[in-house]
Every structure is written in C-alpha cells, then in structure tokens.
Amino acid sequence: MKNEFARGVMDGMKSRHPQEIAAFTDYRADYKRGFILGYCHQLERRYGEMALAAWKAGILTRRYGLDQALMREFFTDFRSERLVRSFNRGYQEAAALPAPGAAA
C-alpha cells in the first residue's frame, strides 16, 4: 500500500491553492490530512506566519470533513496555545463560510 499521508504532504507542498472539496471525494482521510499539512507548511514558508497556516488548516479540516481533534494534535506538538487557538478559530469560522463554488 502506498503512503497516502506522505503523498498528500508532497502534493500540498506543491499546491498554490487548496483543493476543491469535489476533487477530494476519491481520496482517503490520510491523504487529505497530509495535503492540508503540506499546503499549510508551504503557506507558512511563503508568508512567514505560522498562525495563518494553522488558521487555514482549521478551515480546510472542516471543509474536507476531517476530525478536528486529530488535526489539532499537529499544532499542539509545537506547544503553542496561539497556534491551537488559530486552528480552532479557522475550524469554527469555516462553519459560517459558504462552501466554495456555492451560489451566494
């Protein structure tokens, strides 16, 4: 079996934009988790702001239907309440945002 998580990380690091929800329907949760972390890693490198990356990870976690607690663990490893708060804020704000591509 291929390492879906690692493949997701690599794809996320190469992506300039998050994937549309519909593009992820055939992917496993491990790939989606990896993609979010890879995408947010390159986002942090591009802008130099880890809190922005954590916030975006929260948004994408909700949009892609992943487990909030499991994804939040990646940010608790940094022992930074600021990053955990940013992740949680993004996750909560995503509930109020219209789905990408939805009619306004």
N, C-alpha and C. Protein backbone atom coordinates (compact mmCIF):
# COMPACT_ATOMS: atom_id res chain seq x y z
N MET A 1 0.85 -1.19 0.00
CA MET A 1 0.00 0.00 0.00
C MET A 1 0.89 1.25 0.00
N LYS A 2 0.51 2.21 -0.76
CA LYS A 2 1.26 3.46 -0.83
C LYS A 2 1.02 4.28 0.43
N ASN A 3 1.97 5.15 0.73
CA ASN A 3 1.83 6.03 1.88
C ASN A 3 1.01 7.25 1.45
N GLU A 4 -0.29 7.18 1.69
CA GLU A 4 -1.20 8.25 1.27
C GLU A 4 -0.90 9.57 1.98
N PHE A 5 -0.54 9.49 3.26
CA PHE A 5 -0.25 10.71 4.01
C PHE A 5 0.94 11.44 3.38
N ALA A 6 2.02 10.73 3.12
CA ALA A 6 3.21 11.35 2.53
C ALA A 6 2.91 11.92 1.15
N ARG A 7 2.13 11.20 0.37
CA ARG A 7 1.77 11.70 -0.96
C ARG A 7 0.96 12.99 -0.84
N GLY A 8 0.05 13.03 0.14
CA GLY A 8 -0.73 14.24 0.38
C GLY A 8 0.14 15.41 0.79
N VAL A 9 1.12 15.15 1.66
CA VAL A 9 2.04 16.21 2.09
C VAL A 9 2.77 16.79 0.88
N MET A 10 3.31 15.91 0.05
CA MET A 10 4.06 16.37 -1.12
C MET A 10 3.17 17.16 -2.08
N ASP A 11 1.96 16.67 -2.33
CA ASP A 11 1.04 17.39 -3.22
C ASP A 11 0.65 18.74 -2.63
N GLY A 12 0.43 18.77 -1.32
CA GLY A 12 0.08 20.03 -0.66
C GLY A 12 1.20 21.05 -0.72
N MET A 13 2.43 20.58 -0.59
CA MET A 13 3.57 21.50 -0.64
C MET A 13 3.76 22.10 -2.03
N LYS A 14 3.29 21.40 -3.05
CA LYS A 14 3.42 21.90 -4.42
C LYS A 14 2.23 22.76 -4.84
N SER A 15 1.14 22.69 -4.09
CA SER A 15 -0.10 23.37 -4.48
C SER A 15 -0.08 24.84 -4.05
N ARG A 16 -0.47 25.70 -4.95
CA ARG A 16 -0.56 27.13 -4.62
C ARG A 16 -1.93 27.49 -4.05
N HIS A 17 -2.90 26.60 -4.20
CA HIS A 17 -4.26 26.84 -3.71
C HIS A 17 -4.80 25.54 -3.12
N PRO A 18 -5.70 25.63 -2.14
CA PRO A 18 -6.30 24.40 -1.61
C PRO A 18 -7.15 23.71 -2.68
N GLN A 19 -7.27 22.41 -2.55
CA GLN A 19 -8.09 21.64 -3.48
C GLN A 19 -9.57 21.91 -3.23
N GLU A 20 -10.34 21.86 -4.29
CA GLU A 20 -11.80 21.95 -4.15
C GLU A 20 -12.30 20.69 -3.46
N ILE A 21 -13.37 20.82 -2.72
CA ILE A 21 -13.92 19.69 -1.98
C ILE A 21 -14.26 18.54 -2.93
N ALA A 22 -14.85 18.84 -4.06
CA ALA A 22 -15.24 17.81 -5.02
C ALA A 22 -14.04 17.03 -5.54
N ALA A 23 -12.87 17.65 -5.59
CA ALA A 23 -11.67 16.97 -6.08
C ALA A 23 -11.16 15.93 -5.09
N PHE A 24 -11.62 15.98 -3.85
CA PHE A 24 -11.15 15.08 -2.81
C PHE A 24 -12.07 13.90 -2.53
N THR A 25 -13.13 13.75 -3.25
CA THR A 25 -14.09 12.70 -2.93
C THR A 25 -13.51 11.30 -3.00
N ASP A 26 -12.53 11.08 -3.86
CA ASP A 26 -11.96 9.74 -4.02
C ASP A 26 -10.71 9.50 -3.17
N TYR A 27 -10.33 10.46 -2.35
CA TYR A 27 -9.11 10.33 -1.55
C TYR A 27 -9.44 9.89 -0.13
N ARG A 28 -8.52 9.14 0.45
CA ARG A 28 -8.65 8.71 1.85
C ARG A 28 -8.34 9.87 2.79
N ALA A 29 -8.77 9.72 4.04
CA ALA A 29 -8.54 10.76 5.05
C ALA A 29 -7.05 11.01 5.26
N ASP A 30 -6.21 9.97 5.19
CA ASP A 30 -4.77 10.15 5.37
C ASP A 30 -4.19 11.09 4.31
N TYR A 31 -4.63 10.94 3.07
CA TYR A 31 -4.16 11.82 2.01
C TYR A 31 -4.60 13.25 2.29
N LYS A 32 -5.87 13.43 2.68
CA LYS A 32 -6.39 14.77 2.95
C LYS A 32 -5.63 15.45 4.09
N ARG A 33 -5.35 14.68 5.16
CA ARG A 33 -4.58 15.24 6.28
C ARG A 33 -3.20 15.68 5.81
N GLY A 34 -2.56 14.82 5.04
CA GLY A 34 -1.24 15.16 4.52
C GLY A 34 -1.28 16.38 3.62
N PHE A 35 -2.30 16.45 2.77
CA PHE A 35 -2.42 17.60 1.87
C PHE A 35 -2.55 18.89 2.67
N ILE A 36 -3.41 18.90 3.67
CA ILE A 36 -3.60 20.10 4.48
C ILE A 36 -2.29 20.52 5.12
N LEU A 37 -1.58 19.57 5.71
CA LEU A 37 -0.33 19.92 6.39
C LEU A 37 0.74 20.38 5.40
N GLY A 38 0.82 19.74 4.25
CA GLY A 38 1.78 20.17 3.24
C GLY A 38 1.44 21.55 2.70
N TYR A 39 0.16 21.76 2.42
CA TYR A 39 -0.28 23.06 1.91
C TYR A 39 0.00 24.16 2.93
N CYS A 40 -0.33 23.89 4.18
CA CYS A 40 -0.14 24.91 5.22
C CYS A 40 1.34 25.14 5.52
N HIS A 41 2.15 24.12 5.35
CA HIS A 41 3.60 24.29 5.53
C HIS A 41 4.15 25.27 4.49
N GLN A 42 3.78 25.07 3.23
CA GLN A 42 4.28 25.99 2.22
C GLN A 42 3.66 27.38 2.37
N LEU A 43 2.44 27.44 2.90
CA LEU A 43 1.81 28.73 3.17
C LEU A 43 2.61 29.49 4.24
N GLU A 44 3.01 28.77 5.29
CA GLU A 44 3.80 29.38 6.36
C GLU A 44 5.16 29.83 5.82
N ARG A 45 5.76 29.05 4.97
CA ARG A 45 7.06 29.44 4.39
C ARG A 45 6.93 30.66 3.48
N ARG A 46 5.83 30.71 2.74
CA ARG A 46 5.63 31.82 1.81
C ARG A 46 5.39 33.14 2.55
N TYR A 47 4.56 33.10 3.61
CA TYR A 47 4.19 34.33 4.31
C TYR A 47 4.90 34.52 5.65
N GLY A 48 5.56 33.49 6.15
CA GLY A 48 6.29 33.60 7.40
C GLY A 48 5.41 33.72 8.62
N GLU A 49 4.20 33.20 8.55
CA GLU A 49 3.26 33.34 9.66
C GLU A 49 2.60 32.00 9.96
N MET A 50 3.07 31.36 11.02
CA MET A 50 2.56 30.04 11.39
C MET A 50 1.10 30.10 11.83
N ALA A 51 0.68 31.18 12.48
CA ALA A 51 -0.71 31.29 12.92
C ALA A 51 -1.66 31.32 11.72
N LEU A 52 -1.25 31.96 10.64
CA LEU A 52 -2.05 31.97 9.42
C LEU A 52 -2.20 30.55 8.87
N ALA A 53 -1.11 29.81 8.88
CA ALA A 53 -1.14 28.43 8.39
C ALA A 53 -2.06 27.57 9.27
N ALA A 54 -1.99 27.75 10.58
CA ALA A 54 -2.84 26.99 11.50
C ALA A 54 -4.31 27.34 11.28
N TRP A 55 -4.60 28.62 11.09
CA TRP A 55 -5.98 29.07 10.83
C TRP A 55 -6.51 28.43 9.55
N LYS A 56 -5.70 28.45 8.49
CA LYS A 56 -6.12 27.86 7.22
C LYS A 56 -6.30 26.36 7.36
N ALA A 57 -5.46 25.72 8.16
CA ALA A 57 -5.60 24.28 8.40
C ALA A 57 -6.94 23.98 9.07
N GLY A 58 -7.36 24.84 9.99
CA GLY A 58 -8.66 24.66 10.63
C GLY A 58 -9.80 24.76 9.63
N ILE A 59 -9.72 25.74 8.76
CA ILE A 59 -10.76 25.90 7.73
C ILE A 59 -10.82 24.67 6.83
N LEU A 60 -9.66 24.22 6.36
CA LEU A 60 -9.63 23.08 5.44
C LEU A 60 -10.04 21.78 6.13
N THR A 61 -9.71 21.65 7.41
CA THR A 61 -10.12 20.46 8.16
C THR A 61 -11.63 20.32 8.17
N ARG A 62 -12.33 21.42 8.43
CA ARG A 62 -13.79 21.36 8.42
C ARG A 62 -14.31 21.14 7.01
N ARG A 63 -13.78 21.87 6.04
CA ARG A 63 -14.26 21.74 4.66
C ARG A 63 -14.10 20.33 4.11
N TYR A 64 -12.99 19.69 4.46
CA TYR A 64 -12.72 18.35 3.94
C TYR A 64 -13.31 17.26 4.82
N GLY A 65 -14.02 17.66 5.89
CA GLY A 65 -14.72 16.70 6.73
C GLY A 65 -13.81 15.82 7.58
N LEU A 66 -12.71 16.37 8.05
CA LEU A 66 -11.77 15.60 8.86
C LEU A 66 -12.00 15.84 10.34
N ASP A 67 -11.45 14.96 11.16
CA ASP A 67 -11.60 15.04 12.60
C ASP A 67 -10.80 16.22 13.17
N GLN A 68 -11.50 17.11 13.85
CA GLN A 68 -10.88 18.32 14.39
C GLN A 68 -9.79 17.98 15.42
N ALA A 69 -10.09 17.09 16.35
CA ALA A 69 -9.14 16.78 17.41
C ALA A 69 -7.86 16.15 16.86
N LEU A 70 -8.00 15.28 15.90
CA LEU A 70 -6.83 14.63 15.31
C LEU A 70 -5.93 15.64 14.60
N MET A 71 -6.53 16.54 13.84
CA MET A 71 -5.74 17.55 13.13
C MET A 71 -5.14 18.57 14.11
N ARG A 72 -5.86 18.89 15.15
CA ARG A 72 -5.37 19.87 16.13
C ARG A 72 -4.09 19.36 16.81
N GLU A 73 -3.95 18.05 16.92
CA GLU A 73 -2.76 17.48 17.55
C GLU A 73 -1.47 17.91 16.85
N PHE A 74 -1.53 18.13 15.55
CA PHE A 74 -0.34 18.56 14.84
C PHE A 74 0.14 19.92 15.35
N PHE A 75 -0.78 20.73 15.84
CA PHE A 75 -0.41 22.06 16.31
C PHE A 75 -0.09 22.08 17.80
N THR A 76 -0.60 21.11 18.56
CA THR A 76 -0.24 21.03 19.97
C THR A 76 1.19 20.57 20.13
N ASP A 77 1.74 19.88 19.12
CA ASP A 77 3.14 19.45 19.18
C ASP A 77 4.09 20.63 19.26
N PHE A 78 3.67 21.80 18.80
CA PHE A 78 4.51 22.99 18.87
C PHE A 78 4.43 23.66 20.24
N ARG A 79 3.58 23.12 21.12
CA ARG A 79 3.37 23.66 22.46
C ARG A 79 3.06 25.16 22.42
N SER A 80 2.19 25.51 21.51
CA SER A 80 1.83 26.92 21.35
C SER A 80 0.31 27.06 21.40
N GLU A 81 -0.17 27.68 22.46
CA GLU A 81 -1.61 27.93 22.57
C GLU A 81 -2.09 28.83 21.43
N ARG A 82 -1.24 29.73 21.00
CA ARG A 82 -1.60 30.64 19.90
C ARG A 82 -1.94 29.85 18.63
N LEU A 83 -1.15 28.84 18.32
CA LEU A 83 -1.41 28.04 17.12
C LEU A 83 -2.68 27.21 17.27
N VAL A 84 -2.89 26.66 18.44
CA VAL A 84 -4.11 25.87 18.68
C VAL A 84 -5.33 26.78 18.58
N ARG A 85 -5.25 27.97 19.15
CA ARG A 85 -6.36 28.92 19.04
C ARG A 85 -6.61 29.31 17.58
N SER A 86 -5.56 29.53 16.83
CA SER A 86 -5.71 29.88 15.41
C SER A 86 -6.38 28.74 14.64
N PHE A 87 -5.95 27.52 14.91
CA PHE A 87 -6.56 26.36 14.26
C PHE A 87 -8.05 26.28 14.61
N ASN A 88 -8.36 26.37 15.90
CA ASN A 88 -9.75 26.28 16.35
C ASN A 88 -10.60 27.41 15.76
N ARG A 89 -10.04 28.60 15.69
CA ARG A 89 -10.78 29.73 15.11
C ARG A 89 -11.09 29.46 13.64
N GLY A 90 -10.12 28.97 12.89
CA GLY A 90 -10.36 28.63 11.49
C GLY A 90 -11.42 27.56 11.34
N TYR A 91 -11.37 26.56 12.20
CA TYR A 91 -12.35 25.47 12.15
C TYR A 91 -13.75 26.01 12.41
N GLN A 92 -13.89 26.88 13.40
CA GLN A 92 -15.21 27.45 13.72
C GLN A 92 -15.69 28.40 12.64
N GLU A 93 -14.80 29.23 12.12
CA GLU A 93 -15.19 30.18 11.07
C GLU A 93 -15.62 29.47 9.80
N ALA A 94 -15.06 28.31 9.52
CA ALA A 94 -15.41 27.57 8.30
C ALA A 94 -16.87 27.16 8.31
N ALA A 95 -17.45 27.00 9.49
CA ALA A 95 -18.86 26.62 9.58
C ALA A 95 -19.75 27.74 9.05
N ALA A 96 -19.30 28.98 9.17
CA ALA A 96 -20.10 30.12 8.74
C ALA A 96 -19.83 30.52 7.30
N LEU A 97 -18.76 29.99 6.72
CA LEU A 97 -18.41 30.35 5.34
C LEU A 97 -19.22 29.52 4.35
N PRO A 98 -19.60 30.11 3.24
CA PRO A 98 -20.26 29.30 2.21
C PRO A 98 -19.25 28.33 1.61
N ALA A 99 -19.73 27.19 1.21
CA ALA A 99 -18.85 26.21 0.57
C ALA A 99 -18.31 26.80 -0.73
N PRO A 100 -17.05 26.53 -1.05
CA PRO A 100 -16.50 27.05 -2.30
C PRO A 100 -17.35 26.61 -3.49
N GLY A 101 -17.65 27.53 -4.36
CA GLY A 101 -18.45 27.21 -5.53
C GLY A 101 -19.95 27.26 -5.29
N ALA A 102 -20.36 27.51 -4.04
CA ALA A 102 -21.79 27.58 -3.74
C ALA A 102 -22.35 28.92 -4.22
N ALA A 103 -23.59 28.90 -4.63
CA ALA A 103 -24.24 30.14 -5.08
C ALA A 103 -24.43 31.06 -3.88
N ALA A 104 -24.17 32.32 -4.08
CA ALA A 104 -24.30 33.30 -2.99
C ALA A 104 -25.72 33.74 -2.81
